[in-house]
């Protein structure tokens, strides 16, 4: 359980869930007006911390700049929106928060209401006056401040987040196809040739017996087609990524405070 001293130090610290997930920065601290102890804090969640989630700190622990709460990250993120009008939570809102977080709600702990703490060590957090409770607020406008009223409006901050949309992979497999090549092939064949007896060849023609039997053999050759296959690298293929940019339109509702005047007032805005 956090004490009054923790109320001044816990603002701006980082909150962690029961699973040690980072939840966000602690924004506001709401105190019990009678005991001065912190009862609720707001955690800045969502994209760029644009949402504030309320959570009770009755069972939270605080050490250094780390606030640990006994809830999961999803539980805190999905907490109901409540209206802290004038820096106070009414009983119905407190009841709704306690019910959401599964905690026992006691009306005795809220008889004096819950007030917002701004971390000022000189502020009287033990005040039980109805007047004090109704006029204390974190806005600069109000009965306890000056005569000006602050107008606020919600701002939309749009960001992007990266998520997996698909996967691509390379797979190598083997196919067989027919290739046709034309190769010239040389062949030898036997032909009969005759030549007349001349002075140049008469010696060879009459060098043997006048009449005889004999054989003369000629070896014939031809070329055969020989196929040889080799494996050679031809190219390299890889899967890469490229980034393209396209415009997407996001529409979101924002609330804006408007200020109007009643009575005889010269509007100089």
Protein backbone atom coordinates (compact mmCIF):
# COMPACT_ATOMS: atom_id res chain seq x y z
CA UNK A 1 0.00 0.00 0.00
CA UNK A 2 1.28 3.43 -0.95
CA UNK A 3 1.56 6.17 1.67
CA UNK A 4 1.36 9.96 1.53
CA UNK A 5 5.09 10.27 0.82
CA UNK A 6 4.74 7.88 -2.12
CA UNK A 7 2.01 10.11 -3.57
CA UNK A 8 4.54 12.85 -4.21
CA UNK A 9 7.17 10.53 -5.68
CA UNK A 10 5.11 8.09 -7.74
CA UNK A 11 4.03 10.70 -10.30
CA UNK A 12 6.12 10.34 -13.45
CA UNK A 13 7.41 6.91 -12.46
CA UNK A 14 7.01 3.84 -14.67
CA UNK A 15 4.30 1.28 -13.92
CA UNK A 16 4.80 -2.45 -14.48
CA UNK A 17 2.26 -5.28 -14.53
CA UNK A 18 2.27 -8.45 -12.47
CA UNK A 19 3.96 -10.15 -15.46
CA UNK A 20 6.70 -7.48 -15.46
CA UNK A 21 5.33 -5.88 -18.63
CA UNK A 22 5.88 -2.14 -18.93
CA UNK A 23 2.52 -0.36 -18.73
CA UNK A 24 3.50 3.31 -19.10
CA UNK A 25 4.12 6.46 -17.13
CA UNK A 26 2.13 7.36 -14.04
CA UNK A 27 0.14 10.50 -14.77
CA UNK A 28 -2.28 11.55 -12.02
CA UNK A 29 -2.58 10.36 -8.43
CA UNK A 30 -5.93 10.40 -6.65
CA UNK A 31 -5.85 10.55 -2.84
CA UNK A 32 -8.35 9.64 -0.20
CA UNK A 33 -9.32 13.06 1.18
CA UNK A 34 -9.50 11.69 4.73
CA UNK A 35 -6.37 9.56 4.95
CA UNK A 36 -4.25 11.27 2.30
CA UNK A 37 -3.19 7.88 0.95
CA UNK A 38 -3.15 7.22 -2.81
CA UNK A 39 -6.18 5.22 -3.94
CA UNK A 40 -5.98 5.46 -7.73
CA UNK A 41 -3.39 6.43 -10.33
CA UNK A 42 -3.68 6.95 -14.05
CA UNK A 43 -1.33 5.21 -16.48
CA UNK A 44 -0.57 6.72 -19.86
CA UNK A 45 -1.29 3.93 -22.36
CA UNK A 46 -2.07 3.68 -26.06
CA UNK A 47 -0.09 5.02 -29.01
CA UNK A 48 2.14 7.88 -27.80
CA UNK A 49 0.51 7.62 -24.35
CA UNK A 50 -2.68 9.33 -25.57
CA UNK A 51 -4.98 7.32 -23.27
CA UNK A 52 -5.10 7.32 -19.49
CA UNK A 53 -6.17 4.14 -17.72
CA UNK A 54 -7.29 4.26 -14.09
CA UNK A 55 -6.20 1.56 -11.68
CA UNK A 56 -6.36 1.12 -7.90
CA UNK A 57 -3.08 1.00 -5.96
CA UNK A 58 -4.30 -0.58 -2.73
CA UNK A 59 -2.16 -3.65 -3.47
CA UNK A 60 0.57 -1.91 -5.49
CA UNK A 61 4.22 -1.58 -4.43
CA UNK A 62 6.53 1.33 -5.15
CA UNK A 63 10.33 1.21 -5.16
CA UNK A 64 12.72 3.71 -6.71
CA UNK A 65 10.91 4.87 -9.83
CA UNK A 66 9.03 1.61 -10.38
CA UNK A 67 5.36 1.07 -9.53
CA UNK A 68 4.30 -2.57 -9.63
CA UNK A 69 0.58 -3.37 -9.76
CA UNK A 70 -1.08 -6.81 -9.45
CA UNK A 71 -2.78 -6.63 -12.85
CA UNK A 72 -1.91 -7.74 -16.38
CA UNK A 73 -1.10 -5.33 -19.17
CA UNK A 74 -4.30 -6.17 -21.07
CA UNK A 75 -6.36 -5.65 -17.93
CA UNK A 76 -5.00 -2.14 -17.46
CA UNK A 77 -5.22 -1.27 -21.16
CA UNK A 78 -8.91 -2.25 -21.33
CA UNK A 79 -9.90 -0.43 -18.14
CA UNK A 80 -13.19 1.51 -18.44
CA UNK A 81 -13.08 5.23 -19.06
CA UNK A 82 -14.18 7.24 -16.05
CA UNK A 83 -14.99 10.90 -15.58
CA UNK A 84 -12.80 12.60 -12.97
CA UNK A 85 -14.85 15.78 -12.93
CA UNK A 86 -12.98 18.60 -11.19
CA UNK A 87 -10.18 16.27 -10.19
CA UNK A 88 -12.48 13.94 -8.17
CA UNK A 89 -13.86 10.45 -8.62
CA UNK A 90 -17.40 9.97 -7.36
CA UNK A 91 -18.53 6.79 -5.66
CA UNK A 92 -20.15 5.31 -8.76
CA UNK A 93 -16.91 5.63 -10.74
CA UNK A 94 -14.89 4.15 -7.89
CA UNK A 95 -17.33 1.26 -7.59
CA UNK A 96 -17.09 0.61 -11.32
CA UNK A 97 -13.27 0.55 -11.24
CA UNK A 98 -13.10 -1.75 -8.21
CA UNK A 99 -15.60 -4.12 -9.81
CA UNK A 100 -13.61 -4.18 -13.07
CA UNK A 101 -10.36 -5.05 -11.29
CA UNK A 102 -12.09 -7.67 -9.15
CA UNK A 103 -11.37 -5.92 -5.87
CA UNK A 104 -13.65 -5.54 -2.87
CA UNK A 105 -15.18 -2.08 -2.64
CA UNK A 106 -15.85 -0.48 0.73
CA UNK A 107 -17.93 2.68 1.02
CA UNK A 108 -16.13 3.62 4.21
CA UNK A 109 -12.92 4.29 2.32
CA UNK A 110 -14.64 6.83 0.06
CA UNK A 111 -16.91 8.69 2.49
CA UNK A 112 -14.75 11.76 1.98
CA UNK A 113 -14.17 11.22 -1.75
CA UNK A 114 -11.00 10.94 -3.76
CA UNK A 115 -9.08 14.05 -4.76
CA UNK A 116 -6.39 14.60 -7.36
CA UNK A 117 -2.82 15.16 -6.15
CA UNK A 118 -0.43 17.37 -8.11
CA UNK A 119 2.62 16.25 -6.14
CA UNK A 120 2.93 19.51 -4.13
CA UNK A 121 4.38 18.63 -0.74
CA UNK A 122 2.76 21.74 0.81
CA UNK A 123 -0.75 20.73 -0.17
CA UNK A 124 -3.07 19.64 2.64
CA UNK A 125 -4.05 16.14 1.55
CA UNK A 126 -5.96 15.44 4.80
CA UNK A 127 -8.70 18.00 4.18
CA UNK A 128 -12.22 16.58 4.74
CA UNK A 129 -14.17 19.78 4.06
CA UNK A 130 -16.86 19.43 1.40
CA UNK A 131 -15.90 22.86 0.11
CA UNK A 132 -12.26 21.87 -0.29
CA UNK A 133 -13.19 18.67 -2.07
CA UNK A 134 -15.47 20.33 -4.54
CA UNK A 135 -13.04 23.08 -5.56
CA UNK A 136 -9.74 21.25 -5.83
CA UNK A 137 -8.83 20.35 -9.41
CA UNK A 138 -5.87 19.86 -11.68
CA UNK A 139 -7.22 22.25 -14.32
CA UNK A 140 -6.08 25.85 -14.16
CA UNK A 141 -9.70 26.98 -14.21
CA UNK A 142 -11.93 26.78 -11.16
CA UNK A 143 -12.97 28.64 -8.00
CA UNK A 144 -9.57 28.16 -6.36
CA UNK A 145 -7.58 29.65 -9.24
CA UNK A 146 -7.82 32.90 -11.19
CA UNK A 147 -10.71 34.39 -13.16
CA UNK A 148 -9.74 32.76 -16.46
CA UNK A 149 -11.13 29.53 -17.86
CA UNK A 150 -8.95 27.07 -19.75
CA UNK A 151 -10.32 25.58 -22.95
CA UNK A 152 -8.88 22.19 -23.89
CA UNK A 153 -9.31 19.90 -26.83
CA UNK A 154 -8.19 16.44 -27.78
CA UNK A 155 -5.33 16.10 -30.24
CA UNK A 156 -4.97 13.16 -32.61
CA UNK A 157 -1.52 11.66 -32.89
CA UNK A 158 -1.18 9.09 -35.64
CA UNK A 159 1.70 6.65 -35.74
CA UNK A 160 2.51 3.34 -37.34
CA UNK A 161 3.34 -0.08 -36.00
CA UNK A 162 4.96 -2.98 -37.85
CA UNK A 163 3.24 -6.36 -38.00
CA UNK A 164 3.78 -9.57 -39.98
CA UNK A 165 1.53 -9.88 -43.04
CA UNK A 166 3.06 -12.84 -44.85
CA UNK A 167 6.18 -14.84 -45.63
CA UNK A 168 8.13 -15.65 -48.81
CA UNK A 169 10.60 -18.50 -49.25
CA UNK A 170 12.88 -19.99 -51.91
CA UNK A 171 12.51 -23.67 -52.85
CA UNK A 172 14.80 -25.46 -55.34
CA UNK A 173 13.58 -28.49 -57.26
CA UNK A 174 14.76 -30.49 -60.32
CA UNK A 175 12.96 -30.77 -63.68
CA UNK A 176 13.92 -32.73 -66.84
CA UNK A 177 13.61 -31.38 -70.34
CA UNK A 178 14.76 -32.50 -73.82
CA UNK A 179 17.54 -30.65 -75.65
CA UNK A 180 18.27 -31.29 -79.35
CA UNK A 181 21.70 -30.62 -80.84
CA UNK A 182 22.84 -31.22 -84.46
CA UNK A 183 26.36 -32.66 -84.78
CA UNK A 184 28.15 -33.34 -88.17
CA UNK A 185 29.42 -36.95 -88.29
CA UNK A 186 32.01 -38.19 -90.82
CA UNK A 187 31.88 -41.76 -92.27
CA UNK A 188 34.29 -43.62 -94.59
CA UNK A 189 32.98 -45.82 -97.40
CA UNK A 190 34.81 -48.01 -99.93
CA UNK A 191 34.88 -46.93 -103.58
CA UNK A 192 36.44 -48.58 -106.60
CA UNK A 193 38.81 -46.48 -108.59
CA UNK A 194 40.67 -47.35 -111.81
CA UNK A 195 43.65 -45.70 -113.32
CA UNK A 196 45.39 -46.34 -116.65
CA UNK A 197 48.91 -47.78 -116.95
CA UNK A 198 51.33 -44.98 -117.51
CA UNK A 199 55.07 -44.55 -117.47
CA UNK A 200 54.71 -43.33 -113.88
CA UNK A 201 53.00 -46.46 -112.52
CA UNK A 202 54.10 -49.20 -114.90
CA UNK A 203 56.77 -50.39 -112.49
CA UNK A 204 54.19 -50.94 -109.68
CA UNK A 205 51.77 -52.58 -112.10
CA UNK A 206 54.27 -55.17 -113.43
CA UNK A 207 56.24 -55.76 -110.21
CA UNK A 208 54.28 -58.94 -109.31
CA UNK A 209 53.60 -62.25 -110.97
CA UNK A 210 51.92 -62.18 -114.30
CA UNK A 211 48.92 -64.21 -113.12
CA UNK A 212 48.08 -64.62 -109.38
CA UNK A 213 45.34 -64.57 -106.75
CA UNK A 214 45.47 -62.03 -103.88
CA UNK A 215 43.39 -59.95 -101.46
CA UNK A 216 43.67 -56.33 -100.42
CA UNK A 217 41.76 -55.04 -97.41
CA UNK A 218 40.86 -51.41 -96.51
CA UNK A 219 39.68 -50.43 -92.99
CA UNK A 220 36.61 -48.20 -92.96
CA UNK A 221 36.02 -45.68 -90.09
CA UNK A 222 33.15 -43.43 -89.06
CA UNK A 223 32.53 -40.94 -86.24
CA UNK A 224 30.09 -41.69 -83.42
CA UNK A 225 28.21 -39.05 -81.38
CA UNK A 226 29.42 -38.91 -77.77
CA UNK A 227 27.26 -37.10 -75.16
CA UNK A 228 28.82 -35.84 -71.98
CA UNK A 229 26.97 -33.83 -69.31
CA UNK A 230 28.56 -31.49 -66.77
CA UNK A 231 27.01 -29.41 -63.98
CA UNK A 232 27.85 -25.73 -63.95
CA UNK A 233 26.50 -22.82 -61.88
CA UNK A 234 24.50 -20.39 -64.02
CA UNK A 235 23.03 -17.79 -61.61
CA UNK A 236 22.27 -16.98 -57.98
CA UNK A 237 18.77 -16.24 -56.71
CA UNK A 238 17.85 -14.67 -53.39
CA UNK A 239 14.73 -13.30 -51.72
CA UNK A 240 14.94 -9.62 -50.86
CA UNK A 241 12.48 -7.02 -49.64
CA UNK A 242 11.62 -3.59 -50.86
CA UNK A 243 9.50 -0.96 -49.17
CA UNK A 244 6.74 0.94 -50.86
CA UNK A 245 4.82 3.82 -49.35
CA UNK A 246 1.13 4.49 -49.73
CA UNK A 247 -1.19 6.98 -48.08
CA UNK A 248 -3.94 5.72 -45.79
CA UNK A 249 -6.62 7.97 -44.33
CA UNK A 250 -7.43 7.65 -40.64
CA UNK A 251 -10.58 9.20 -39.22
CA UNK A 252 -10.98 9.68 -35.48
CA UNK A 253 -13.41 11.63 -33.33
CA UNK A 254 -11.90 14.29 -31.09
CA UNK A 255 -13.60 16.25 -28.34
CA UNK A 256 -13.11 20.00 -28.09
CA UNK A 257 -14.20 22.27 -25.31
CA UNK A 258 -16.07 25.38 -26.37
CA UNK A 259 -16.54 28.47 -24.21
CA UNK A 260 -19.50 30.76 -24.54
CA UNK A 261 -20.47 33.74 -22.46
CA UNK A 262 -23.83 34.74 -21.02
CA UNK A 263 -24.82 38.30 -20.25
CA UNK A 264 -23.75 41.65 -21.63
CA UNK A 265 -20.13 40.88 -22.57
CA UNK A 266 -18.05 42.48 -25.28
CA UNK A 267 -16.43 39.49 -27.01
CA UNK A 268 -12.87 40.54 -27.89
CA UNK A 269 -11.55 37.15 -28.95
